[in-house]
Full PDB file with SEQRES, HELIX, SHEET, SSBOND, CRYST1, ORIGX, SCALE, CONECT and MASTER records, all heavy atoms in Angstrom:
SEQRES   1 A   39  HIS ALA ASN ILE ALA ILE VAL GLY GLU SER ALA SER ALA          
SEQRES   2 A   39  ASP TYR PHE GLN LYS LEU VAL THR MET MET GLY GLY ARG          
SEQRES   3 A   39  ASN ILE PRO ASP VAL PHE GLN LEU GLU PRO ASN THR LEU          
HELIX    1 AA1 TYR A   15  GLY A   24  1                                  10    
CRYST1    1.000    1.000    1.000  90.00  90.00  90.00 P 1           1          
ORIGX1      1.000000  0.000000  0.000000        0.00000                         
ORIGX2      0.000000  1.000000  0.000000        0.00000                         
ORIGX3      0.000000  0.000000  1.000000        0.00000                         
SCALE1      1.000000  0.000000  0.000000        0.00000                         
SCALE2      0.000000  1.000000  0.000000        0.00000                         
SCALE3      0.000000  0.000000  1.000000        0.00000                         
ATOM      1  N   HIS A   1      90.757  83.804  97.031  1.00  0.00           N  
ATOM      2  CA  HIS A   1      89.879  84.942  96.738  1.00  0.00           C  
ATOM      3  C   HIS A   1      90.740  86.107  96.249  1.00  0.00           C  
ATOM      4  O   HIS A   1      91.135  86.978  97.026  1.00  0.00           O  
ATOM      5  CB  HIS A   1      89.079  85.344  97.968  1.00  0.00           C  
ATOM      6  CG  HIS A   1      88.199  84.247  98.489  1.00  0.00           C  
ATOM      7  ND1 HIS A   1      88.685  83.236  99.298  1.00  0.00           N  
ATOM      8  CD2 HIS A   1      86.880  84.004  98.310  1.00  0.00           C  
ATOM      9  CE1 HIS A   1      87.679  82.417  99.588  1.00  0.00           C  
ATOM     10  NE2 HIS A   1      86.584  82.858  98.998  1.00  0.00           N  
ATOM     11  N   ALA A   2      91.017  86.104  94.959  1.00  0.00           N  
ATOM     12  CA  ALA A   2      91.946  87.076  94.389  1.00  0.00           C  
ATOM     13  C   ALA A   2      91.453  88.515  94.494  1.00  0.00           C  
ATOM     14  O   ALA A   2      92.245  89.459  94.435  1.00  0.00           O  
ATOM     15  CB  ALA A   2      92.206  86.731  92.928  1.00  0.00           C  
ATOM     16  N   ASN A   3      90.140  88.707  94.653  1.00  0.00           N  
ATOM     17  CA  ASN A   3      89.606  90.069  94.698  1.00  0.00           C  
ATOM     18  C   ASN A   3      89.461  90.598  96.118  1.00  0.00           C  
ATOM     19  O   ASN A   3      88.913  91.683  96.324  1.00  0.00           O  
ATOM     20  CB  ASN A   3      88.242  90.124  94.005  1.00  0.00           C  
ATOM     21  CG  ASN A   3      87.181  89.359  94.780  1.00  0.00           C  
ATOM     22  OD1 ASN A   3      87.459  88.274  95.296  1.00  0.00           O  
ATOM     23  ND2 ASN A   3      85.990  89.911  94.858  1.00  0.00           N  
ATOM     24  N   ILE A   4      89.941  89.835  97.110  1.00  0.00           N  
ATOM     25  CA  ILE A   4      89.826  90.269  98.506  1.00  0.00           C  
ATOM     26  C   ILE A   4      91.217  90.461  99.099  1.00  0.00           C  
ATOM     27  O   ILE A   4      92.053  89.553  99.063  1.00  0.00           O  
ATOM     28  CB  ILE A   4      89.031  89.257  99.351  1.00  0.00           C  
ATOM     29  CG1 ILE A   4      87.573  89.213  98.869  1.00  0.00           C  
ATOM     30  CG2 ILE A   4      89.080  89.635 100.832  1.00  0.00           C  
ATOM     31  CD1 ILE A   4      86.696  88.235  99.640  1.00  0.00           C  
ATOM     32  N   ALA A   5      91.446  91.644  99.620  1.00  0.00           N  
ATOM     33  CA  ALA A   5      92.682  91.944 100.335  1.00  0.00           C  
ATOM     34  C   ALA A   5      92.352  92.078 101.814  1.00  0.00           C  
ATOM     35  O   ALA A   5      91.432  92.818 102.179  1.00  0.00           O  
ATOM     36  CB  ALA A   5      93.300  93.236  99.822  1.00  0.00           C  
ATOM     37  N   ILE A   6      93.073  91.351 102.654  1.00  0.00           N  
ATOM     38  CA  ILE A   6      92.846  91.427 104.096  1.00  0.00           C  
ATOM     39  C   ILE A   6      93.949  92.282 104.711  1.00  0.00           C  
ATOM     40  O   ILE A   6      95.131  91.961 104.619  1.00  0.00           O  
ATOM     41  CB  ILE A   6      92.832  90.026 104.730  1.00  0.00           C  
ATOM     42  CG1 ILE A   6      91.691  89.198 104.126  1.00  0.00           C  
ATOM     43  CG2 ILE A   6      92.673  90.135 106.242  1.00  0.00           C  
ATOM     44  CD1 ILE A   6      91.627  87.784 104.630  1.00  0.00           C  
ATOM     45  N   VAL A   7      93.542  93.372 105.309  1.00  0.00           N  
ATOM     46  CA  VAL A   7      94.477  94.285 105.958  1.00  0.00           C  
ATOM     47  C   VAL A   7      94.241  94.174 107.452  1.00  0.00           C  
ATOM     48  O   VAL A   7      93.149  94.448 107.944  1.00  0.00           O  
ATOM     49  CB  VAL A   7      94.264  95.740 105.484  1.00  0.00           C  
ATOM     50  CG1 VAL A   7      95.270  96.664 106.156  1.00  0.00           C  
ATOM     51  CG2 VAL A   7      94.393  95.813 103.963  1.00  0.00           C  
ATOM     52  N   GLY A   8      95.242  93.733 108.178  1.00  0.00           N  
ATOM     53  CA  GLY A   8      95.046  93.431 109.587  1.00  0.00           C  
ATOM     54  C   GLY A   8      95.905  94.241 110.521  1.00  0.00           C  
ATOM     55  O   GLY A   8      96.911  94.829 110.123  1.00  0.00           O  
ATOM     56  N   GLU A   9      95.505  94.261 111.770  1.00  0.00           N  
ATOM     57  CA  GLU A   9      96.286  94.923 112.812  1.00  0.00           C  
ATOM     58  C   GLU A   9      96.140  94.140 114.101  1.00  0.00           C  
ATOM     59  O   GLU A   9      95.044  93.755 114.494  1.00  0.00           O  
ATOM     60  CB  GLU A   9      95.810  96.351 113.027  1.00  0.00           C  
ATOM     61  CG  GLU A   9      96.608  97.090 114.110  1.00  0.00           C  
ATOM     62  CD  GLU A   9      96.136  98.514 114.330  1.00  0.00           C  
ATOM     63  OE1 GLU A   9      95.242  98.958 113.584  1.00  0.00           O  
ATOM     64  OE2 GLU A   9      96.661  99.167 115.239  1.00  0.00           O  
ATOM     65  N   SER A  10      97.259  93.907 114.763  1.00  0.00           N  
ATOM     66  CA  SER A  10      97.262  93.254 116.068  1.00  0.00           C  
ATOM     67  C   SER A  10      97.672  94.268 117.115  1.00  0.00           C  
ATOM     68  O   SER A  10      98.632  95.016 116.925  1.00  0.00           O  
ATOM     69  CB  SER A  10      98.257  92.083 116.061  1.00  0.00           C  
ATOM     70  OG  SER A  10      98.381  91.542 117.358  1.00  0.00           O  
ATOM     71  N   ALA A  11      96.936  94.323 118.199  1.00  0.00           N  
ATOM     72  CA  ALA A  11      97.251  95.244 119.292  1.00  0.00           C  
ATOM     73  C   ALA A  11      97.439  94.441 120.566  1.00  0.00           C  
ATOM     74  O   ALA A  11      97.213  93.239 120.606  1.00  0.00           O  
ATOM     75  CB  ALA A  11      96.149  96.284 119.461  1.00  0.00           C  
ATOM     76  N   SER A  12      97.823  95.133 121.613  1.00  0.00           N  
ATOM     77  CA  SER A  12      98.081  94.444 122.876  1.00  0.00           C  
ATOM     78  C   SER A  12      97.318  95.127 124.001  1.00  0.00           C  
ATOM     79  O   SER A  12      96.105  95.081 124.052  1.00  0.00           O  
ATOM     80  CB  SER A  12      99.585  94.416 123.152  1.00  0.00           C  
ATOM     81  OG  SER A  12      99.883  93.674 124.305  1.00  0.00           O  
ATOM     82  N   ALA A  13      98.031  95.827 124.878  1.00  0.00           N  
ATOM     83  CA  ALA A  13      97.404  96.387 126.071  1.00  0.00           C  
ATOM     84  C   ALA A  13      96.347  97.429 125.744  1.00  0.00           C  
ATOM     85  O   ALA A  13      95.396  97.615 126.499  1.00  0.00           O  
ATOM     86  CB  ALA A  13      98.470  96.999 126.977  1.00  0.00           C  
ATOM     87  N   ASP A  14      96.487  98.118 124.614  1.00  0.00           N  
ATOM     88  CA  ASP A  14      95.561  99.199 124.286  1.00  0.00           C  
ATOM     89  C   ASP A  14      94.462  98.760 123.323  1.00  0.00           C  
ATOM     90  O   ASP A  14      93.788  99.593 122.724  1.00  0.00           O  
ATOM     91  CB  ASP A  14      96.328 100.378 123.680  1.00  0.00           C  
ATOM     92  CG  ASP A  14      97.085  99.985 122.401  1.00  0.00           C  
ATOM     93  OD1 ASP A  14      97.167  98.773 122.104  1.00  0.00           O  
ATOM     94  OD2 ASP A  14      97.577 100.888 121.723  1.00  0.00           O  
ATOM     95  N   TYR A  15      94.254  97.461 123.200  1.00  0.00           N  
ATOM     96  CA  TYR A  15      93.313  96.942 122.209  1.00  0.00           C  
ATOM     97  C   TYR A  15      91.922  97.555 122.352  1.00  0.00           C  
ATOM     98  O   TYR A  15      91.359  98.109 121.399  1.00  0.00           O  
ATOM     99  CB  TYR A  15      93.227  95.413 122.314  1.00  0.00           C  
ATOM    100  CG  TYR A  15      92.234  94.803 121.337  1.00  0.00           C  
ATOM    101  CD1 TYR A  15      92.636  94.443 120.058  1.00  0.00           C  
ATOM    102  CD2 TYR A  15      90.902  94.602 121.697  1.00  0.00           C  
ATOM    103  CE1 TYR A  15      91.746  93.893 119.153  1.00  0.00           C  
ATOM    104  CE2 TYR A  15      89.995  94.059 120.789  1.00  0.00           C  
ATOM    105  CZ  TYR A  15      90.418  93.707 119.523  1.00  0.00           C  
ATOM    106  OH  TYR A  15      89.516  93.176 118.628  1.00  0.00           O  
ATOM    107  N   PHE A  16      91.346  97.456 123.546  1.00  0.00           N  
ATOM    108  CA  PHE A  16      89.963  97.893 123.713  1.00  0.00           C  
ATOM    109  C   PHE A  16      89.827  99.412 123.715  1.00  0.00           C  
ATOM    110  O   PHE A  16      88.812  99.948 123.273  1.00  0.00           O  
ATOM    111  CB  PHE A  16      89.356  97.281 124.972  1.00  0.00           C  
ATOM    112  CG  PHE A  16      89.024  95.825 124.806  1.00  0.00           C  
ATOM    113  CD1 PHE A  16      89.844  94.848 125.333  1.00  0.00           C  
ATOM    114  CD2 PHE A  16      87.911  95.431 124.088  1.00  0.00           C  
ATOM    115  CE1 PHE A  16      89.554  93.505 125.157  1.00  0.00           C  
ATOM    116  CE2 PHE A  16      87.604  94.096 123.900  1.00  0.00           C  
ATOM    117  CZ  PHE A  16      88.435  93.124 124.441  1.00  0.00           C  
ATOM    118  N   GLN A  17      90.848 100.117 124.194  1.00  0.00           N  
ATOM    119  CA  GLN A  17      90.802 101.574 124.100  1.00  0.00           C  
ATOM    120  C   GLN A  17      90.748 102.002 122.637  1.00  0.00           C  
ATOM    121  O   GLN A  17      89.988 102.902 122.269  1.00  0.00           O  
ATOM    122  CB  GLN A  17      92.027 102.203 124.781  1.00  0.00           C  
ATOM    123  CG  GLN A  17      92.068 102.023 126.291  1.00  0.00           C  
ATOM    124  CD  GLN A  17      92.876 100.818 126.714  1.00  0.00           C  
ATOM    125  OE1 GLN A  17      92.773  99.753 126.114  1.00  0.00           O  
ATOM    126  NE2 GLN A  17      93.680 100.987 127.751  1.00  0.00           N  
ATOM    127  N   LYS A  18      91.553 101.344 121.803  1.00  0.00           N  
ATOM    128  CA  LYS A  18      91.552 101.668 120.382  1.00  0.00           C  
ATOM    129  C   LYS A  18      90.221 101.292 119.738  1.00  0.00           C  
ATOM    130  O   LYS A  18      89.717 102.016 118.876  1.00  0.00           O  
ATOM    131  CB  LYS A  18      92.705 100.950 119.682  1.00  0.00           C  
ATOM    132  CG  LYS A  18      94.080 101.466 120.072  1.00  0.00           C  
ATOM    133  CD  LYS A  18      95.192 100.692 119.388  1.00  0.00           C  
ATOM    134  CE  LYS A  18      95.203 100.914 117.893  1.00  0.00           C  
ATOM    135  NZ  LYS A  18      96.364 100.237 117.248  1.00  0.00           N  
ATOM    136  N   LEU A  19      89.649 100.165 120.183  1.00  0.00           N  
ATOM    137  CA  LEU A  19      88.375  99.732 119.618  1.00  0.00           C  
ATOM    138  C   LEU A  19      87.269 100.742 119.943  1.00  0.00           C  
ATOM    139  O   LEU A  19      86.436 101.062 119.088  1.00  0.00           O  
ATOM    140  CB  LEU A  19      88.006  98.347 120.150  1.00  0.00           C  
ATOM    141  CG  LEU A  19      86.753  97.697 119.547  1.00  0.00           C  
ATOM    142  CD1 LEU A  19      86.892  97.549 118.038  1.00  0.00           C  
ATOM    143  CD2 LEU A  19      86.503  96.330 120.194  1.00  0.00           C  
ATOM    144  N   VAL A  20      87.259 101.244 121.166  1.00  0.00           N  
ATOM    145  CA  VAL A  20      86.273 102.253 121.544  1.00  0.00           C  
ATOM    146  C   VAL A  20      86.454 103.523 120.720  1.00  0.00           C  
ATOM    147  O   VAL A  20      85.477 104.139 120.270  1.00  0.00           O  
ATOM    148  CB  VAL A  20      86.375 102.563 123.055  1.00  0.00           C  
ATOM    149  CG1 VAL A  20      85.535 103.788 123.416  1.00  0.00           C  
ATOM    150  CG2 VAL A  20      85.920 101.360 123.879  1.00  0.00           C  
ATOM    151  N   THR A  21      87.706 103.915 120.509  1.00  0.00           N  
ATOM    152  CA  THR A  21      87.980 105.095 119.690  1.00  0.00           C  
ATOM    153  C   THR A  21      87.489 104.879 118.257  1.00  0.00           C  
ATOM    154  O   THR A  21      86.875 105.765 117.645  1.00  0.00           O  
ATOM    155  CB  THR A  21      89.486 105.400 119.678  1.00  0.00           C  
ATOM    156  OG1 THR A  21      89.922 105.650 121.014  1.00  0.00           O  
ATOM    157  CG2 THR A  21      89.788 106.614 118.815  1.00  0.00           C  
ATOM    158  N   MET A  22      87.756 103.684 117.705  1.00  0.00           N  
ATOM    159  CA  MET A  22      87.279 103.361 116.367  1.00  0.00           C  
ATOM    160  C   MET A  22      85.753 103.398 116.300  1.00  0.00           C  
ATOM    161  O   MET A  22      85.172 103.874 115.324  1.00  0.00           O  
ATOM    162  CB  MET A  22      87.774 101.970 115.952  1.00  0.00           C  
ATOM    163  CG  MET A  22      89.272 101.855 115.735  1.00  0.00           C  
ATOM    164  SD  MET A  22      89.705 100.101 115.475  1.00  0.00           S  
ATOM    165  CE  MET A  22      91.474 100.201 115.262  1.00  0.00           C  
ATOM    166  N   MET A  23      85.121 102.899 117.355  1.00  0.00           N  
ATOM    167  CA  MET A  23      83.667 102.882 117.390  1.00  0.00           C  
ATOM    168  C   MET A  23      83.121 104.308 117.375  1.00  0.00           C  
ATOM    169  O   MET A  23      82.147 104.610 116.672  1.00  0.00           O  
ATOM    170  CB  MET A  23      83.186 102.141 118.640  1.00  0.00           C  
ATOM    171  CG  MET A  23      81.679 101.969 118.729  1.00  0.00           C  
ATOM    172  SD  MET A  23      81.194 100.881 120.086  1.00  0.00           S  
ATOM    173  CE  MET A  23      81.775 101.834 121.481  1.00  0.00           C  
ATOM    174  N   GLY A  24      83.748 105.200 118.141  1.00  0.00           N  
ATOM    175  CA  GLY A  24      83.321 106.591 118.171  1.00  0.00           C  
ATOM    176  C   GLY A  24      83.451 107.259 116.813  1.00  0.00           C  
ATOM    177  O   GLY A  24      82.655 108.135 116.453  1.00  0.00           O  
ATOM    178  N   GLY A  25      84.469 106.847 116.045  1.00  0.00           N  
ATOM    179  CA  GLY A  25      84.672 107.403 114.718  1.00  0.00           C  
ATOM    180  C   GLY A  25      83.998 106.609 113.620  1.00  0.00           C  
ATOM    181  O   GLY A  25      84.234 106.869 112.435  1.00  0.00           O  
ATOM    182  N   ARG A  26      83.173 105.622 114.007  1.00  0.00           N  
ATOM    183  CA  ARG A  26      82.489 104.731 113.046  1.00  0.00           C  
ATOM    184  C   ARG A  26      83.495 104.141 112.066  1.00  0.00           C  
ATOM    185  O   ARG A  26      83.285 104.086 110.855  1.00  0.00           O  
ATOM    186  CB  ARG A  26      81.374 105.475 112.305  1.00  0.00           C  
ATOM    187  CG  ARG A  26      80.267 105.959 113.221  1.00  0.00           C  
ATOM    188  CD  ARG A  26      79.149 106.641 112.451  1.00  0.00           C  
ATOM    189  NE  ARG A  26      78.488 105.720 111.530  1.00  0.00           N  
ATOM    190  CZ  ARG A  26      77.582 104.797 111.860  1.00  0.00           C  
ATOM    191  NH1 ARG A  26      77.216 104.672 113.145  1.00  0.00           N  
ATOM    192  NH2 ARG A  26      77.031 104.032 110.954  1.00  0.00           N  
ATOM    193  N   ASN A  27      84.603 103.668 112.633  1.00  0.00           N  
ATOM    194  CA  ASN A  27      85.705 103.157 111.820  1.00  0.00           C  
ATOM    195  C   ASN A  27      86.177 101.805 112.343  1.00  0.00           C  
ATOM    196  O   ASN A  27      87.358 101.481 112.271  1.00  0.00           O  
ATOM    197  CB  ASN A  27      86.861 104.170 111.830  1.00  0.00           C  
ATOM    198  CG  ASN A  27      87.954 103.812 110.846  1.00  0.00           C  
ATOM    199  OD1 ASN A  27      87.678 103.318 109.748  1.00  0.00           O  
ATOM    200  ND2 ASN A  27      89.195 104.035 111.236  1.00  0.00           N  
ATOM    201  N   ILE A  28      85.262 101.013 112.868  1.00  0.00           N  
ATOM    202  CA  ILE A  28      85.632  99.698 113.396  1.00  0.00           C  
ATOM    203  C   ILE A  28      86.003  98.773 112.238  1.00  0.00           C  
ATOM    204  O   ILE A  28      85.316  98.763 111.208  1.00  0.00           O  
ATOM    205  CB  ILE A  28      84.465  99.080 114.200  1.00  0.00           C  
ATOM    206  CG1 ILE A  28      84.129  99.953 115.403  1.00  0.00           C  
ATOM    207  CG2 ILE A  28      84.808  97.678 114.664  1.00  0.00           C  
ATOM    208  CD1 ILE A  28      82.983  99.413 116.224  1.00  0.00           C  
ATOM    209  N   PRO A  29      87.072  97.984 112.369  1.00  0.00           N  
ATOM    210  CA  PRO A  29      87.418  97.013 111.320  1.00  0.00           C  
ATOM    211  C   PRO A  29      86.260  96.070 111.030  1.00  0.00           C  
ATOM    212  O   PRO A  29      85.420  95.802 111.895  1.00  0.00           O  
ATOM    213  CB  PRO A  29      88.619  96.279 111.929  1.00  0.00           C  
ATOM    214  CG  PRO A  29      89.236  97.284 112.847  1.00  0.00           C  
ATOM    215  CD  PRO A  29      88.088  98.035 113.436  1.00  0.00           C  
ATOM    216  N   ASP A  30      86.228  95.554 109.815  1.00  0.00           N  
ATOM    217  CA  ASP A  30      85.120  94.687 109.400  1.00  0.00           C  
ATOM    218  C   ASP A  30      84.973  93.481 110.313  1.00  0.00           C  
ATOM    219  O   ASP A  30      83.856  93.092 110.682  1.00  0.00           O  
ATOM    220  CB  ASP A  30      85.353  94.215 107.963  1.00  0.00           C  
ATOM    221  CG  ASP A  30      85.468  95.358 106.993  1.00  0.00           C  
ATOM    222  OD1 ASP A  30      84.428  95.921 106.599  1.00  0.00           O  
ATOM    223  OD2 ASP A  30      86.608  95.709 106.631  1.00  0.00           O  
ATOM    224  N   VAL A  31      86.094  92.857 110.660  1.00  0.00           N  
ATOM    225  CA  VAL A  31      86.104  91.685 111.541  1.00  0.00           C  
ATOM    226  C   VAL A  31      87.009  92.000 112.715  1.00  0.00           C  
ATOM    227  O   VAL A  31      88.172  92.371 112.536  1.00  0.00           O  
ATOM    228  CB  VAL A  31      86.623  90.430 110.799  1.00  0.00           C  
ATOM    229  CG1 VAL A  31      86.659  89.234 111.738  1.00  0.00           C  
ATOM    230  CG2 VAL A  31      85.756  90.134 109.577  1.00  0.00           C  
ATOM    231  N   PHE A  32      86.482  91.877 113.929  1.00  0.00           N  
ATOM    232  CA  PHE A  32      87.280  92.201 115.102  1.00  0.00           C  
ATOM    233  C   PHE A  32      87.053  91.173 116.198  1.00  0.00           C  
ATOM    234  O   PHE A  32      86.012  90.527 116.266  1.00  0.00           O  
ATOM    235  CB  PHE A  32      87.004  93.625 115.607  1.00  0.00           C  
ATOM    236  CG  PHE A  32      85.575  93.895 115.999  1.00  0.00           C  
ATOM    237  CD1 PHE A  32      85.181  93.866 117.334  1.00  0.00           C  
ATOM    238  CD2 PHE A  32      84.619  94.197 115.036  1.00  0.00           C  
ATOM    239  CE1 PHE A  32      83.878  94.130 117.698  1.00  0.00           C  
ATOM    240  CE2 PHE A  32      83.302  94.462 115.393  1.00  0.00           C  
ATOM    241  CZ  PHE A  32      82.934  94.431 116.730  1.00  0.00           C  
ATOM    242  N   GLN A  33      88.056  91.029 117.034  1.00  0.00           N  
ATOM    243  CA  GLN A  33      88.069  89.981 118.056  1.00  0.00           C  
ATOM    244  C   GLN A  33      87.500  90.491 119.376  1.00  0.00           C  
ATOM    245  O   GLN A  33      87.836  91.576 119.838  1.00  0.00           O  
ATOM    246  CB  GLN A  33      89.513  89.512 118.258  1.00  0.00           C  
ATOM    247  CG  GLN A  33      89.680  88.327 119.195  1.00  0.00           C  
ATOM    248  CD  GLN A  33      91.115  87.826 119.192  1.00  0.00           C  
ATOM    249  OE1 GLN A  33      91.512  87.067 118.320  1.00  0.00           O  
ATOM    250  NE2 GLN A  33      91.895  88.263 120.163  1.00  0.00           N  
ATOM    251  N   LEU A  34      86.635  89.672 119.963  1.00  0.00           N  
ATOM    252  CA  LEU A  34      86.103  89.927 121.299  1.00  0.00           C  
ATOM    253  C   LEU A  34      86.239  88.647 122.110  1.00  0.00           C  
ATOM    254  O   LEU A  34      86.759  87.644 121.635  1.00  0.00           O  
ATOM    255  CB  LEU A  34      84.629  90.356 121.232  1.00  0.00           C  
ATOM    256  CG  LEU A  34      84.337  91.702 120.553  1.00  0.00           C  
ATOM    257  CD1 LEU A  34      82.838  91.910 120.418  1.00  0.00           C  
ATOM    258  CD2 LEU A  34      84.964  92.854 121.333  1.00  0.00           C  
ATOM    259  N   GLU A  35      85.804  88.688 123.355  1.00  0.00           N  
ATOM    260  CA  GLU A  35      85.711  87.499 124.200  1.00  0.00           C  
ATOM    261  C   GLU A  35      84.422  87.628 125.015  1.00  0.00           C  
ATOM    262  O   GLU A  35      83.747  88.665 124.935  1.00  0.00           O  
ATOM    263  CB  GLU A  35      86.973  87.327 125.051  1.00  0.00           C  
ATOM    264  CG  GLU A  35      87.465  88.571 125.754  1.00  0.00           C  
ATOM    265  CD  GLU A  35      86.727  88.829 127.033  1.00  0.00           C  
ATOM    266  OE1 GLU A  35      86.503  87.886 127.795  1.00  0.00           O  
ATOM    267  OE2 GLU A  35      86.354  89.992 127.270  1.00  0.00           O  
ATOM    268  N   PRO A  36      84.021  86.595 125.761  1.00  0.00           N  
ATOM    269  CA  PRO A  36      82.693  86.618 126.376  1.00  0.00           C  
ATOM    270  C   PRO A  36      82.397  87.834 127.228  1.00  0.00           C  
ATOM    271  O   PRO A  36      81.259  88.323 127.236  1.00  0.00           O  
ATOM    272  CB  PRO A  36      82.689  85.330 127.216  1.00  0.00           C  
ATOM    273  CG  PRO A  36      83.612  84.423 126.505  1.00  0.00           C  
ATOM    274  CD  PRO A  36      84.705  85.299 125.974  1.00  0.00           C  
ATOM    275  N   ASN A  37      83.371  88.333 127.968  1.00  0.00           N  
ATOM    276  CA  ASN A  37      83.099  89.468 128.852  1.00  0.00           C  
ATOM    277  C   ASN A  37      82.922  90.780 128.105  1.00  0.00           C  
ATOM    278  O   ASN A  37      82.459  91.758 128.674  1.00  0.00           O  
ATOM    279  CB  ASN A  37      84.237  89.614 129.873  1.00  0.00           C  
ATOM    280  CG  ASN A  37      84.231  88.506 130.894  1.00  0.00           C  
ATOM    281  OD1 ASN A  37      83.182  88.103 131.385  1.00  0.00           O  
ATOM    282  ND2 ASN A  37      85.395  87.984 131.218  1.00  0.00           N  
ATOM    283  N   THR A  38      83.327  90.808 126.828  1.00  0.00           N  
ATOM    284  CA  THR A  38      83.176  92.039 126.052  1.00  0.00           C  
ATOM    285  C   THR A  38      82.152  91.914 124.933  1.00  0.00           C  
ATOM    286  O   THR A  38      81.698  92.932 124.406  1.00  0.00           O  
ATOM    287  CB  THR A  38      84.529  92.463 125.451  1.00  0.00           C  
ATOM    288  OG1 THR A  38      85.103  91.354 124.732  1.00  0.00           O  
ATOM    289  CG2 THR A  38      85.489  92.910 126.541  1.00  0.00           C  
ATOM    290  N   LEU A  39      81.744  90.698 124.568  1.00  0.00           N  
ATOM    291  CA  LEU A  39      80.763  90.522 123.496  1.00  0.00           C  
ATOM    292  C   LEU A  39      79.452  91.214 123.837  1.00  0.00           C  
ATOM    293  O   LEU A  39      78.906  91.982 123.034  1.00  0.00           O  
ATOM    294  CB  LEU A  39      80.521  89.036 123.238  1.00  0.00           C  
ATOM    295  CG  LEU A  39      79.430  88.743 122.198  1.00  0.00           C  
ATOM    296  CD1 LEU A  39      79.880  89.186 120.816  1.00  0.00           C  
ATOM    297  CD2 LEU A  39      79.069  87.263 122.198  1.00  0.00           C  
TER     298      LEU A  39                                                      
MASTER        0    0    0    1    0    0    0    6  297    1    0    3          
END                                                                             
């Protein structure tokens, strides 16, 4: 897919804190990882 650029970020201990901050700023990545307890 030559017209698609995937820009990624991997986090560790602060993953969900950052996700909540992104959510507050309406800036959540297009595709993000969850697990059953957080879905």
